[in-house]
Amino acid sequence: MRNLYSTLIMTFGVLCLFFTTQVSAQLNVNTAVTANDMANAIIGGGVTVSNVTLDCGTNGAGIFSNGNSTNIGLSDGVLLTTGLASDAAGSAPGNLGVQTGNGGDPDLAPLVNQPLNDVCLLEFDFEPSDNNITVQYSFASEEYPEWVCSEYNDVFGFFVTGPNPGGGDYTGQNVALIPGTTEPVTINNINNNGGNCTPYYPGYYVDNASGTTIAYDGFSVVLTAQISVTPGEMYSFKFAIADASDQVYDSGVFIKGSSFSTFFCQAGIIGFNPNLLSQTTFCTYDADMSVQLFNDVLAPSEFYAYIFADTDGTILEINESGAFDLNGYAAGTYEFYGISYSGEITGLEVGNNIDDIDADVQEGCFELSPSISAILEVCVDIECPEDITISCDESITPANTGEAEITGDPQGIYGSTFTDEITGECPTIITRTWNLVAPAGVPPVDLSCVQIITVVDEDAPSIIADEEITVECDAVDAPTFLVEDNCDSAPEVNVSDSTEPGDCSGYYTIFRTITATDNCGNTSELVQVINVVDTTAPEFDGDIEDFSVECADDVPEMEDYTATDNCSMKC
């Protein structure tokens, strides 16, 4: 079925060549270069190269740059492909497939046991000045992910021929291997198929099906090939890549610029346990926040260290033991890296950025592992009591309105405080902000919640009075009632009287209307009936004494007497 599409894909690739070249504004691929140009682009320190040859399809190889704007993990170098090198730039959706017509290769063939097509070879002789040769690369393919575990197992290899320091000779010795194994790097070895074909190494695979800067649907992480050599001896080296079984979908190998050198740098993959766990999580209150890092590097470089950095890449700590204590660091995500370096490098200092690390290719090399993450979570939280409405005569203390609840604190080491902002009247709004308080020695946590307490006055003042009383006419002006309010200490009181006359001026009825209003406008009213009576007789002013006379003629004339009445009314 794939072969039915080969002619269509090839035609489409030619039609779209102009457009593909235009979208390479991020990854730049220059195919107008010579074999010597390509060799010079990847040669680093400690080697002398001669007799360079290139055997690829037309425009099947080139020098790439601006790789830092992509996710391939390499900034510049050489690209060898089984199609068009310029097609590597762009987005992944779509299919890359160009038939170059180049045949097979005797060194590649045993790696997959399938017919090979569209071979691309870069070869040269070299003389090393030291006892080790390394080169870094990433293998990419359009066969991913649909044709994993099939006969379309596109393959590549790096082959060395020359004296073996351990005795004898290397003859087409493949050094492009899965780290720590003797397995070649192929479609069926590096993928995330879940083990449908074995062996497989998903940790080295990058799914790029939705990628926007590299057109291949998948590729490997940056890997390092290395082999021991004898200084001063001559060797031949061959980079080779080919389509397996058919010529439909293309593959490519990105070779890092200046990485073919006598400096060996292999960072491998690091993890938080021997199984290379890639993420760990702590709560900020954990007593033990220590980590011990491990790596899978079987042949360590001259130097290997571990870097602890924030998500911006700022280096916080560096050590060679891989032991770190995260106590005292604020909540957030942090990154760890392994760094392999040899010779002279610069920028590996606390306070610098990961991107500041560099090496002159003639002086040294370095390689960073993929990062792994430690997450410091604020597991603790504070939950406010529910919003509440209370009466103005109730207490606003938390004993009445509710306490904040602290969750996720099994040790019970956190506390809380609150502040109140009081606004308005009738109702009064209390905005109570509860704040989490960390104990001494634990990084402070900026966590808070807000409770709204609404204080209302819905009760009218109470008028305390008898609804009907009887008073003497001289006691009408005496107080006849009392006003109280649950919240207002001095409610407004209005009194109005209306009078209904009685049978005499000393007897009448007062209808007293009492109105009380508190400061929230709650009003109560009482009409009190006051029966006024005059039951007290007038009293003479002074004493009137009895007296005796001998004769009637001796009776004095009547004196004028005065009397006083309590109401001066006649009844």
Protein backbone atom coordinates (compact mmCIF):
# COMPACT_ATOMS: atom_id res chain seq x y z
CA MET A 1 0.00 0.00 0.00
CA ARG A 2 2.91 2.36 0.84
CA ASN A 3 4.42 1.84 -2.64
CA LEU A 4 1.24 3.13 -4.28
CA TYR A 5 1.94 6.46 -2.66
CA SER A 6 5.63 6.75 -3.49
CA THR A 7 5.19 8.44 -6.87
CA LEU A 8 2.58 10.81 -5.47
CA ILE A 9 4.77 11.74 -2.52
CA MET A 10 7.80 12.31 -4.72
CA THR A 11 5.80 14.54 -7.08
CA PHE A 12 4.28 16.45 -4.19
CA GLY A 13 7.73 16.94 -2.65
CA VAL A 14 9.01 18.49 -5.88
CA LEU A 15 6.00 20.76 -6.20
CA CYS A 16 6.39 21.92 -2.61
CA LEU A 17 10.15 22.34 -2.64
CA PHE A 18 9.91 26.10 -3.11
CA PHE A 19 7.52 26.48 -0.22
CA THR A 20 9.51 24.17 2.05
CA THR A 21 12.59 26.30 1.53
CA GLN A 22 10.57 29.37 2.55
CA VAL A 23 9.32 27.92 5.82
CA SER A 24 12.87 27.18 6.93
CA ALA A 25 13.09 30.64 8.47
CA GLN A 26 13.70 28.88 11.79
CA LEU A 27 15.88 25.91 10.87
CA ASN A 28 18.24 26.95 8.07
CA VAL A 29 19.57 24.18 5.80
CA ASN A 30 22.21 25.02 3.21
CA THR A 31 22.68 22.29 0.59
CA ALA A 32 25.04 24.33 -1.60
CA VAL A 33 28.09 23.04 0.28
CA THR A 34 30.92 20.61 -0.41
CA ALA A 35 31.92 17.45 1.38
CA ASN A 36 34.87 19.31 2.92
CA ASP A 37 32.52 22.04 4.16
CA MET A 38 30.43 19.41 5.92
CA ALA A 39 33.46 17.70 7.46
CA ASN A 40 34.81 21.03 8.71
CA ALA A 41 31.39 21.84 10.22
CA ILE A 42 31.46 18.82 12.53
CA ILE A 43 35.18 18.52 13.29
CA GLY A 44 36.19 19.66 16.77
CA GLY A 45 39.44 19.59 18.70
CA GLY A 46 42.09 16.89 18.60
CA VAL A 47 41.54 15.43 15.12
CA THR A 48 42.98 15.98 11.65
CA VAL A 49 40.74 15.03 8.72
CA SER A 50 41.53 14.11 5.11
CA ASN A 51 40.06 12.36 2.05
CA VAL A 52 36.51 13.58 2.58
CA THR A 53 33.78 12.16 0.29
CA LEU A 54 30.00 12.58 0.12
CA ASP A 55 27.62 10.16 -1.61
CA CYS A 56 23.97 11.23 -1.22
CA GLY A 57 21.03 11.99 -3.45
CA THR A 58 20.82 15.46 -4.96
CA ASN A 59 20.46 17.98 -2.13
CA GLY A 60 20.22 15.08 0.30
CA ALA A 61 22.74 16.60 2.71
CA GLY A 62 23.63 20.05 3.98
CA ILE A 63 24.77 22.22 6.83
CA PHE A 64 22.05 23.34 9.25
CA SER A 65 22.03 26.34 11.57
CA ASN A 66 19.67 28.19 13.89
CA GLY A 67 18.74 24.88 15.49
CA ASN A 68 18.25 26.58 18.85
CA SER A 69 14.96 27.92 17.50
CA THR A 70 13.72 24.32 17.20
CA ASN A 71 13.24 21.38 19.54
CA ILE A 72 15.92 19.17 17.95
CA GLY A 73 18.40 19.97 20.72
CA LEU A 74 21.29 20.95 18.42
CA SER A 75 22.19 24.46 17.36
CA ASP A 76 24.15 23.71 14.18
CA GLY A 77 25.91 20.96 12.29
CA VAL A 78 25.45 18.60 9.35
CA LEU A 79 22.22 16.95 8.21
CA LEU A 80 22.31 13.71 6.18
CA THR A 81 18.94 12.51 4.82
CA THR A 82 17.37 9.86 2.62
CA GLY A 83 15.45 12.62 0.78
CA LEU A 84 15.87 16.38 0.60
CA ALA A 85 17.75 18.02 3.47
CA SER A 86 15.76 21.24 3.05
CA ASP A 87 12.55 19.34 3.77
CA ALA A 88 13.59 18.95 7.40
CA ALA A 89 12.63 22.55 8.12
CA GLY A 90 8.98 23.24 8.86
CA SER A 91 6.07 21.67 10.69
CA ALA A 92 5.59 17.94 11.22
CA PRO A 93 2.05 17.41 9.84
CA GLY A 94 2.41 15.97 6.34
CA ASN A 95 4.74 13.38 4.85
CA LEU A 96 8.31 13.72 3.63
CA GLY A 97 9.21 11.30 0.87
CA VAL A 98 11.71 11.73 -1.96
CA GLN A 99 13.36 8.88 -3.92
CA THR A 100 17.04 9.63 -4.48
CA GLY A 101 17.95 6.39 -6.21
CA ASN A 102 21.08 5.68 -4.17
CA GLY A 103 21.56 1.99 -3.42
CA GLY A 104 22.51 0.15 -0.23
CA ASP A 105 25.57 -0.01 2.02
CA PRO A 106 27.37 -3.15 3.21
CA ASP A 107 27.91 -1.79 6.73
CA LEU A 108 24.29 -0.71 7.20
CA ALA A 109 22.65 -3.82 5.79
CA PRO A 110 23.39 -6.20 8.73
CA LEU A 111 21.80 -3.79 11.20
CA VAL A 112 18.24 -4.30 9.91
CA ASN A 113 18.30 -7.23 7.47
CA GLN A 114 16.07 -5.37 5.01
CA PRO A 115 16.70 -4.03 1.50
CA LEU A 116 18.15 -0.51 1.72
CA ASN A 117 17.39 2.49 -0.48
CA ASP A 118 18.24 6.17 -0.74
CA VAL A 119 21.54 5.80 1.08
CA CYS A 120 23.46 8.94 2.12
CA LEU A 121 27.14 8.65 3.12
CA LEU A 122 29.73 11.09 4.47
CA GLU A 123 33.21 9.55 4.82
CA PHE A 124 36.69 10.75 5.75
CA ASP A 125 40.01 9.63 7.20
CA PHE A 126 41.17 11.10 10.48
CA GLU A 127 44.12 11.08 12.85
CA PRO A 128 43.31 11.58 16.57
CA SER A 129 45.63 13.31 19.03
CA ASP A 130 44.13 11.59 22.06
CA ASN A 131 42.76 8.15 22.90
CA ASN A 132 39.02 8.74 22.47
CA ILE A 133 36.71 10.00 19.71
CA THR A 134 33.13 11.19 20.28
CA VAL A 135 30.40 12.68 18.13
CA GLN A 136 26.87 13.84 19.04
CA TYR A 137 23.76 13.40 16.94
CA SER A 138 19.97 13.02 16.75
CA PHE A 139 18.21 10.52 14.49
CA ALA A 140 14.86 11.65 12.98
CA SER A 141 12.30 10.02 10.69
CA GLU A 142 8.95 10.30 8.95
CA GLU A 143 8.42 6.59 9.62
CA TYR A 144 7.39 7.62 13.16
CA PRO A 145 4.99 6.72 14.59
CA GLU A 146 2.85 4.81 12.09
CA TRP A 147 5.50 2.38 10.85
CA VAL A 148 7.22 1.50 14.11
CA CYS A 149 7.63 -2.28 14.53
CA SER A 150 7.45 -2.89 10.77
CA GLU A 151 9.91 -3.77 8.06
CA TYR A 152 10.22 -0.04 7.28
CA ASN A 153 12.92 0.16 9.92
CA ASP A 154 15.01 3.04 8.58
CA VAL A 155 18.54 2.85 9.90
CA PHE A 156 21.79 4.71 10.21
CA GLY A 157 25.23 4.03 11.62
CA PHE A 158 28.63 5.57 12.31
CA PHE A 159 31.33 3.14 11.24
CA VAL A 160 35.01 3.17 12.26
CA THR A 161 37.83 1.25 10.64
CA GLY A 162 41.36 1.26 12.03
CA PRO A 163 43.59 0.03 14.87
CA ASN A 164 41.84 -1.11 18.04
CA PRO A 165 43.83 0.00 21.11
CA GLY A 166 42.72 -3.23 22.78
CA GLY A 167 44.24 -5.32 20.02
CA GLY A 168 43.48 -6.06 16.40
CA ASP A 169 41.52 -3.71 14.15
CA TYR A 170 38.09 -2.15 13.96
CA THR A 171 36.43 -3.12 10.68
CA GLY A 172 33.28 -1.14 10.07
CA GLN A 173 32.64 -0.92 13.84
CA ASN A 174 29.29 0.81 14.44
CA VAL A 175 29.46 3.32 17.28
CA ALA A 176 25.94 4.79 16.91
CA LEU A 177 24.39 2.68 19.64
CA ILE A 178 21.65 2.88 22.23
CA PRO A 179 23.54 4.14 25.33
CA GLY A 180 24.86 1.27 27.43
CA THR A 181 23.95 -1.39 24.86
CA THR A 182 25.19 -2.88 21.61
CA GLU A 183 21.86 -2.13 19.90
CA PRO A 184 21.92 0.13 16.82
CA VAL A 185 19.75 3.27 16.73
CA THR A 186 16.76 2.44 14.49
CA ILE A 187 13.04 3.18 14.17
CA ASN A 188 12.16 -0.08 15.93
CA ASN A 189 14.56 0.52 18.83
CA ILE A 190 13.84 4.13 19.78
CA ASN A 191 10.09 4.82 19.96
CA ASN A 192 7.16 4.86 22.36
CA ASN A 193 5.24 1.89 20.97
CA GLY A 194 4.75 0.39 24.43
CA GLY A 195 6.97 -2.62 23.83
CA ASN A 196 5.14 -4.04 20.82
CA CYS A 197 8.57 -4.84 19.42
CA THR A 198 11.65 -5.27 21.54
CA PRO A 199 14.10 -4.11 22.54
CA TYR A 200 12.77 -0.58 22.67
CA TYR A 201 13.95 2.53 24.51
CA PRO A 202 11.19 5.12 24.91
CA GLY A 203 13.34 7.33 27.13
CA TYR A 204 15.37 8.39 24.12
CA TYR A 205 12.36 9.19 21.90
CA VAL A 206 10.81 12.61 21.21
CA ASP A 207 7.28 12.59 19.76
CA ASN A 208 7.18 15.42 17.25
CA ALA A 209 3.87 14.65 15.51
CA SER A 210 2.62 18.15 16.31
CA GLY A 211 5.97 19.88 15.93
CA THR A 212 6.19 23.25 14.22
CA THR A 213 9.94 23.64 13.63
CA ILE A 214 11.16 20.17 12.58
CA ALA A 215 9.26 18.33 9.84
CA TYR A 216 10.09 14.78 10.97
CA ASP A 217 7.32 13.21 13.07
CA GLY A 218 9.75 11.84 15.64
CA PHE A 219 13.40 11.88 16.60
CA SER A 220 15.83 10.78 19.28
CA VAL A 221 17.20 12.90 22.05
CA VAL A 222 20.76 14.05 21.46
CA LEU A 223 22.96 10.96 21.76
CA THR A 224 26.73 10.55 21.93
CA ALA A 225 28.76 7.97 20.02
CA GLN A 226 32.26 7.25 21.25
CA ILE A 227 35.11 4.83 20.63
CA SER A 228 38.62 4.35 21.92
CA VAL A 229 41.43 5.05 19.45
CA THR A 230 45.19 5.20 19.37
CA PRO A 231 46.68 8.70 19.11
CA GLY A 232 48.63 9.30 15.90
CA GLU A 233 47.14 6.35 13.99
CA MET A 234 44.99 6.74 10.86
CA TYR A 235 41.32 5.76 10.89
CA SER A 236 38.42 5.99 8.47
CA PHE A 237 34.97 7.12 9.60
CA LYS A 238 31.67 6.74 7.75
CA PHE A 239 28.32 8.38 8.57
CA ALA A 240 25.56 6.38 6.83
CA ILE A 241 21.76 6.52 6.70
CA ALA A 242 19.21 4.67 4.54
CA ASP A 243 15.53 3.89 4.02
CA ALA A 244 14.68 0.29 4.83
CA SER A 245 12.40 -1.87 2.63
CA ASP A 246 11.09 0.98 0.47
CA GLN A 247 11.77 4.57 -0.57
CA VAL A 248 8.57 6.20 0.64
CA TYR A 249 9.19 8.06 3.89
CA ASP A 250 12.45 9.86 4.62
CA SER A 251 14.78 9.86 7.59
CA GLY A 252 17.67 12.10 8.63
CA VAL A 253 20.51 12.30 11.09
CA PHE A 254 21.51 15.65 12.61
CA ILE A 255 25.22 15.67 13.53
CA LYS A 256 26.22 18.31 16.05
CA GLY A 257 28.65 20.94 14.84
CA SER A 258 32.25 20.63 16.13
CA SER A 259 31.33 17.52 18.13
CA PHE A 260 33.61 15.06 16.31
CA SER A 261 36.58 15.38 18.63
CA THR A 262 38.85 13.72 21.14
CA PHE A 263 36.88 15.27 23.98
CA PHE A 264 34.30 12.84 25.35
CA CYS A 265 31.11 14.26 26.84
CA GLN A 266 28.13 12.01 27.53
CA ALA A 267 25.53 13.21 30.01
CA GLY A 268 23.03 10.39 29.51
CA ILE A 269 19.74 10.47 31.37
CA ILE A 270 19.40 11.29 35.06
CA GLY A 271 16.70 10.41 37.55
CA PHE A 272 15.67 10.53 41.20
CA ASN A 273 16.25 6.81 41.74
CA PRO A 274 18.16 3.99 40.05
CA ASN A 275 15.17 3.51 37.75
CA LEU A 276 15.68 7.13 36.61
CA LEU A 277 12.39 8.52 37.91
CA SER A 278 12.00 11.83 36.09
CA GLN A 279 9.81 13.75 38.54
CA THR A 280 9.39 13.97 42.29
CA THR A 281 7.11 16.03 44.47
CA PHE A 282 7.45 17.40 48.00
CA CYS A 283 5.21 19.37 50.29
CA THR A 284 6.86 22.54 51.55
CA TYR A 285 6.43 21.39 55.15
CA ASP A 286 8.11 17.99 54.62
CA ALA A 287 10.88 17.42 57.13
CA ASP A 288 12.93 15.44 54.62
CA MET A 289 13.26 17.14 51.24
CA SER A 290 16.52 15.54 50.15
CA VAL A 291 17.10 14.03 46.72
CA GLN A 292 19.79 11.76 45.36
CA LEU A 293 20.32 11.81 41.62
CA PHE A 294 21.45 8.91 39.45
CA ASN A 295 22.54 8.63 35.80
CA ASP A 296 22.80 5.89 33.21
CA VAL A 297 26.22 6.86 31.89
CA LEU A 298 28.37 3.74 31.72
CA ALA A 299 31.51 5.46 30.45
CA PRO A 300 31.79 8.75 32.34
CA SER A 301 33.60 11.72 30.88
CA GLU A 302 36.52 13.52 32.49
CA PHE A 303 34.09 15.44 34.72
CA TYR A 304 30.44 14.85 35.64
CA ALA A 305 28.35 17.12 37.84
CA TYR A 306 24.73 17.79 38.69
CA ILE A 307 23.02 21.14 38.39
CA PHE A 308 20.03 22.42 40.37
CA ALA A 309 18.26 25.34 38.65
CA ASP A 310 14.97 27.19 38.61
CA THR A 311 12.62 27.08 35.63
CA ASP A 312 14.27 30.17 34.14
CA GLY A 313 17.56 28.26 33.98
CA THR A 314 19.30 30.16 36.79
CA ILE A 315 21.81 27.82 38.42
CA LEU A 316 21.15 27.53 42.17
CA GLU A 317 23.53 24.72 43.18
CA ILE A 318 26.18 22.50 41.58
CA ASN A 319 27.79 19.35 42.99
CA GLU A 320 29.34 16.08 41.87
CA SER A 321 27.53 13.86 44.38
CA GLY A 322 23.99 14.40 43.09
CA ALA A 323 22.75 14.93 46.66
CA PHE A 324 20.61 18.03 47.20
CA ASP A 325 18.46 19.28 50.07
CA LEU A 326 15.48 21.39 48.98
CA ASN A 327 14.58 22.60 52.46
CA GLY A 328 14.28 26.37 52.51
CA TYR A 329 13.31 26.74 48.86
CA ALA A 330 9.98 28.36 48.06
CA ALA A 331 7.15 26.44 46.46
CA GLY A 332 7.54 25.98 42.71
CA THR A 333 9.07 23.75 40.07
CA TYR A 334 12.83 23.22 39.91
CA GLU A 335 14.98 21.50 37.30
CA PHE A 336 17.96 19.17 37.66
CA TYR A 337 20.51 18.46 34.94
CA GLY A 338 23.47 16.18 34.60
CA ILE A 339 26.44 17.78 32.87
CA SER A 340 29.31 15.87 31.34
CA TYR A 341 32.31 18.00 30.43
CA SER A 342 35.87 17.61 29.35
CA GLY A 343 38.70 20.04 28.81
CA GLU A 344 37.95 23.70 29.41
CA ILE A 345 34.38 25.03 29.65
CA THR A 346 32.96 28.34 30.82
CA GLY A 347 29.77 29.50 32.54
CA LEU A 348 29.31 26.57 34.93
CA GLU A 349 28.83 28.73 38.00
CA VAL A 350 26.06 29.32 40.56
CA GLY A 351 24.11 32.41 39.55
CA ASN A 352 24.72 31.93 35.84
CA ASN A 353 22.11 30.60 33.46
CA ILE A 354 22.21 27.13 31.94
CA ASP A 355 22.49 28.85 28.56
CA ASP A 356 25.72 30.55 29.71
CA ILE A 357 27.62 27.24 29.72
CA ASP A 358 29.91 27.03 26.70
CA ALA A 359 33.08 25.44 25.40
CA ASP A 360 35.57 26.27 22.68
CA VAL A 361 35.56 23.21 20.40
CA GLN A 362 39.35 23.21 20.39
CA GLU A 363 39.53 23.35 24.19
CA GLY A 364 36.76 21.11 25.48
CA CYS A 365 33.18 19.90 25.27
CA PHE A 366 30.11 19.55 27.45
CA GLU A 367 26.74 17.84 27.26
CA LEU A 368 23.64 18.45 29.34
CA SER A 369 21.20 15.68 30.09
CA PRO A 370 17.48 16.21 29.61
CA SER A 371 16.17 17.96 32.70
CA ILE A 372 14.08 16.32 35.40
CA SER A 373 11.72 18.16 37.72
CA ALA A 374 11.25 18.49 41.46
CA ILE A 375 7.97 20.11 42.41
CA LEU A 376 7.61 21.80 45.77
CA GLU A 377 3.91 22.04 46.41
CA VAL A 378 2.08 24.09 48.98
CA CYS A 379 0.11 21.07 50.11
CA VAL A 380 -1.31 23.04 53.02
CA ASP A 381 -4.32 25.25 52.41
CA ILE A 382 -6.57 27.52 54.40
CA GLU A 383 -10.35 27.43 54.11
CA CYS A 384 -12.46 30.23 55.47
CA PRO A 385 -15.62 29.67 57.45
CA GLU A 386 -18.75 30.31 55.46
CA ASP A 387 -19.99 33.85 55.04
CA ILE A 388 -22.40 34.66 57.84
CA THR A 389 -25.05 37.19 58.78
CA ILE A 390 -25.33 38.04 62.43
CA SER A 391 -27.32 40.48 64.52
CA CYS A 392 -25.66 43.63 65.74
CA ASP A 393 -25.94 42.44 69.33
CA GLU A 394 -24.02 39.23 68.61
CA SER A 395 -20.27 38.79 69.09
CA ILE A 396 -18.08 39.16 66.00
CA THR A 397 -15.33 37.01 67.48
CA PRO A 398 -14.40 33.77 65.64
CA ALA A 399 -15.99 31.85 68.50
CA ASN A 400 -19.32 33.05 67.11
CA THR A 401 -18.57 33.63 63.41
CA GLY A 402 -16.35 30.59 62.78
CA GLU A 403 -12.64 29.73 62.67
CA ALA A 404 -10.56 29.17 59.51
CA GLU A 405 -9.71 25.55 58.80
CA ILE A 406 -6.19 24.51 57.78
CA THR A 407 -6.06 21.45 55.53
CA GLY A 408 -3.16 19.39 54.25
CA ASP A 409 -1.17 19.89 57.43
CA PRO A 410 -0.95 16.47 59.06
CA GLN A 411 1.64 17.67 61.54
CA GLY A 412 -0.50 20.60 62.67
CA ILE A 413 2.37 23.06 62.41
CA TYR A 414 0.61 25.92 60.62
CA GLY A 415 -1.52 28.60 62.23
CA SER A 416 -3.74 31.44 61.12
CA THR A 417 -4.41 35.10 61.85
CA PHE A 418 -7.04 37.49 60.59
CA THR A 419 -7.58 41.16 59.90
CA ASP A 420 -10.91 42.98 59.62
CA GLU A 421 -11.97 45.77 57.32
CA ILE A 422 -15.26 47.31 58.49
CA THR A 423 -17.40 49.33 56.11
CA GLY A 424 -20.94 50.64 55.93
CA GLU A 425 -23.86 50.86 58.28
CA CYS A 426 -27.15 49.04 58.21
CA PRO A 427 -25.78 46.61 57.31
CA THR A 428 -22.18 46.78 58.48
CA ILE A 429 -19.87 44.64 56.34
CA ILE A 430 -16.85 43.06 57.98
CA THR A 431 -14.36 41.73 55.41
CA ARG A 432 -12.31 39.27 57.42
CA THR A 433 -9.09 38.10 55.72
CA TRP A 434 -7.62 34.94 57.15
CA ASN A 435 -3.89 34.41 56.53
CA LEU A 436 -1.93 31.19 56.82
CA VAL A 437 1.05 31.47 59.16
CA ALA A 438 4.03 29.17 58.61
CA PRO A 439 6.05 28.01 61.59
CA ALA A 440 9.63 29.07 62.14
CA GLY A 441 12.02 27.41 59.71
CA VAL A 442 9.39 26.75 57.06
CA PRO A 443 9.26 29.06 54.01
CA PRO A 444 6.35 31.49 54.35
CA VAL A 445 3.31 30.72 52.28
CA ASP A 446 1.21 33.47 50.77
CA LEU A 447 -2.17 31.84 51.27
CA SER A 448 -5.29 33.59 52.48
CA CYS A 449 -9.05 33.48 52.18
CA VAL A 450 -11.82 35.98 52.81
CA GLN A 451 -14.94 35.65 54.93
CA ILE A 452 -17.74 38.19 54.71
CA ILE A 453 -19.57 38.90 57.97
CA THR A 454 -22.75 40.91 57.52
CA VAL A 455 -23.94 42.64 60.69
CA VAL A 456 -27.59 43.60 60.56
CA ASP A 457 -30.02 45.39 62.91
CA GLU A 458 -33.49 44.07 62.22
CA ASP A 459 -34.96 44.65 65.66
CA ALA A 460 -36.94 47.81 66.44
CA PRO A 461 -36.46 49.53 69.78
CA SER A 462 -38.52 48.23 72.68
CA ILE A 463 -41.01 50.63 74.32
CA ILE A 464 -41.54 49.55 77.88
CA ALA A 465 -44.80 50.91 79.20
CA ASP A 466 -48.22 49.90 80.50
CA GLU A 467 -50.79 50.25 77.79
CA GLU A 468 -53.21 52.00 80.22
CA ILE A 469 -52.49 53.78 83.47
CA THR A 470 -54.31 56.08 85.86
CA VAL A 471 -52.50 59.04 87.30
CA GLU A 472 -53.41 61.98 89.46
CA CYS A 473 -53.82 65.18 87.61
CA ASP A 474 -50.67 66.53 89.18
CA ALA A 475 -48.59 63.59 87.86
CA VAL A 476 -49.34 63.91 84.16
CA ASP A 477 -45.84 65.12 83.30
CA ALA A 478 -44.09 62.29 85.06
CA PRO A 479 -42.38 59.73 82.74
CA THR A 480 -44.72 56.95 81.82
CA PHE A 481 -42.47 54.77 79.60
CA LEU A 482 -38.88 53.58 78.92
CA VAL A 483 -37.22 52.99 75.51
CA GLU A 484 -34.43 50.41 74.97
CA ASP A 485 -32.65 49.16 71.81
CA ASN A 486 -30.42 46.11 71.33
CA CYS A 487 -27.73 48.08 69.47
CA ASP A 488 -28.50 51.81 69.49
CA SER A 489 -27.80 53.31 72.93
CA ALA A 490 -29.81 56.46 72.17
CA PRO A 491 -32.68 55.80 69.77
CA GLU A 492 -34.74 58.75 68.64
CA VAL A 493 -38.01 59.10 70.61
CA ASN A 494 -41.04 61.19 69.63
CA VAL A 495 -44.12 61.65 71.85
CA SER A 496 -47.45 63.17 70.88
CA ASP A 497 -50.50 63.49 73.13
CA SER A 498 -54.18 63.90 72.35
CA THR A 499 -56.71 64.65 75.14
CA GLU A 500 -60.30 63.61 75.61
CA PRO A 501 -62.14 65.69 78.26
CA GLY A 502 -63.94 64.06 81.14
CA ASP A 503 -66.95 65.03 83.29
CA CYS A 504 -64.95 67.73 85.07
CA SER A 505 -61.74 69.48 84.46
CA GLY A 506 -59.85 67.21 86.80
CA TYR A 507 -60.89 64.11 84.98
CA TYR A 508 -59.79 63.51 81.39
CA THR A 509 -57.97 60.96 79.19
CA ILE A 510 -54.64 61.39 77.42
CA PHE A 511 -53.86 59.21 74.40
CA ARG A 512 -50.05 59.25 74.29
CA THR A 513 -48.42 58.02 71.03
CA ILE A 514 -44.79 57.00 71.61
CA THR A 515 -42.56 56.41 68.51
CA ALA A 516 -38.98 55.09 68.84
CA THR A 517 -36.54 54.81 65.87
CA ASP A 518 -33.01 53.36 65.99
CA ASN A 519 -30.09 54.36 63.78
CA CYS A 520 -30.96 51.67 61.22
CA GLY A 521 -34.49 53.00 60.78
CA ASN A 522 -36.24 50.27 62.70
CA THR A 523 -39.33 51.86 64.30
CA SER A 524 -41.75 50.81 67.01
CA GLU A 525 -44.88 52.62 68.23
CA LEU A 526 -47.08 52.36 71.30
CA VAL A 527 -50.26 54.22 72.18
CA GLN A 528 -50.60 54.54 75.91
CA VAL A 529 -53.93 55.49 77.55
CA ILE A 530 -53.47 57.75 80.55
CA ASN A 531 -56.56 58.25 82.70
CA VAL A 532 -56.16 61.51 84.63
CA VAL A 533 -58.12 61.80 87.86
CA ASP A 534 -58.41 64.34 90.70
CA THR A 535 -59.09 62.50 93.91
CA THR A 536 -57.29 64.87 96.21
CA ALA A 537 -59.32 67.59 98.01
CA PRO A 538 -57.94 71.11 98.32
CA GLU A 539 -56.06 71.94 101.50
CA PHE A 540 -56.48 75.16 103.49
CA ASP A 541 -53.53 77.34 103.77
CA GLY A 542 -52.67 77.62 107.42
CA ASP A 543 -54.45 76.21 110.44
CA ILE A 544 -58.14 76.91 111.24
CA GLU A 545 -58.58 76.59 114.96
CA ASP A 546 -61.75 76.23 116.98
CA PHE A 547 -62.44 79.00 119.52
CA SER A 548 -65.06 79.72 122.31
CA VAL A 549 -66.94 82.86 123.18
CA GLU A 550 -69.24 83.78 126.09
CA CYS A 551 -71.94 85.34 124.08
CA ALA A 552 -73.09 85.37 120.55
CA ASP A 553 -72.13 88.93 120.27
CA ASP A 554 -68.61 87.98 120.96
CA VAL A 555 -68.34 85.93 117.73
CA PRO A 556 -65.83 87.76 115.53
CA GLU A 557 -66.46 88.40 111.91
CA MET A 558 -65.55 85.56 109.52
CA GLU A 559 -62.04 85.72 108.25
CA ASP A 560 -61.05 85.12 104.63
CA TYR A 561 -59.47 81.73 104.33
CA THR A 562 -57.43 80.42 101.35
CA ALA A 563 -56.94 76.90 100.15
CA THR A 564 -54.58 75.18 97.67
CA ASP A 565 -55.56 72.35 95.29
CA ASN A 566 -53.13 69.97 93.63
CA CYS A 567 -54.65 70.63 90.23
CA SER A 568 -56.41 73.95 90.60
CA MET A 569 -59.38 72.39 88.94
CA LYS A 570 -62.96 72.32 90.08
CA CYS A 571 -64.72 69.04 90.32
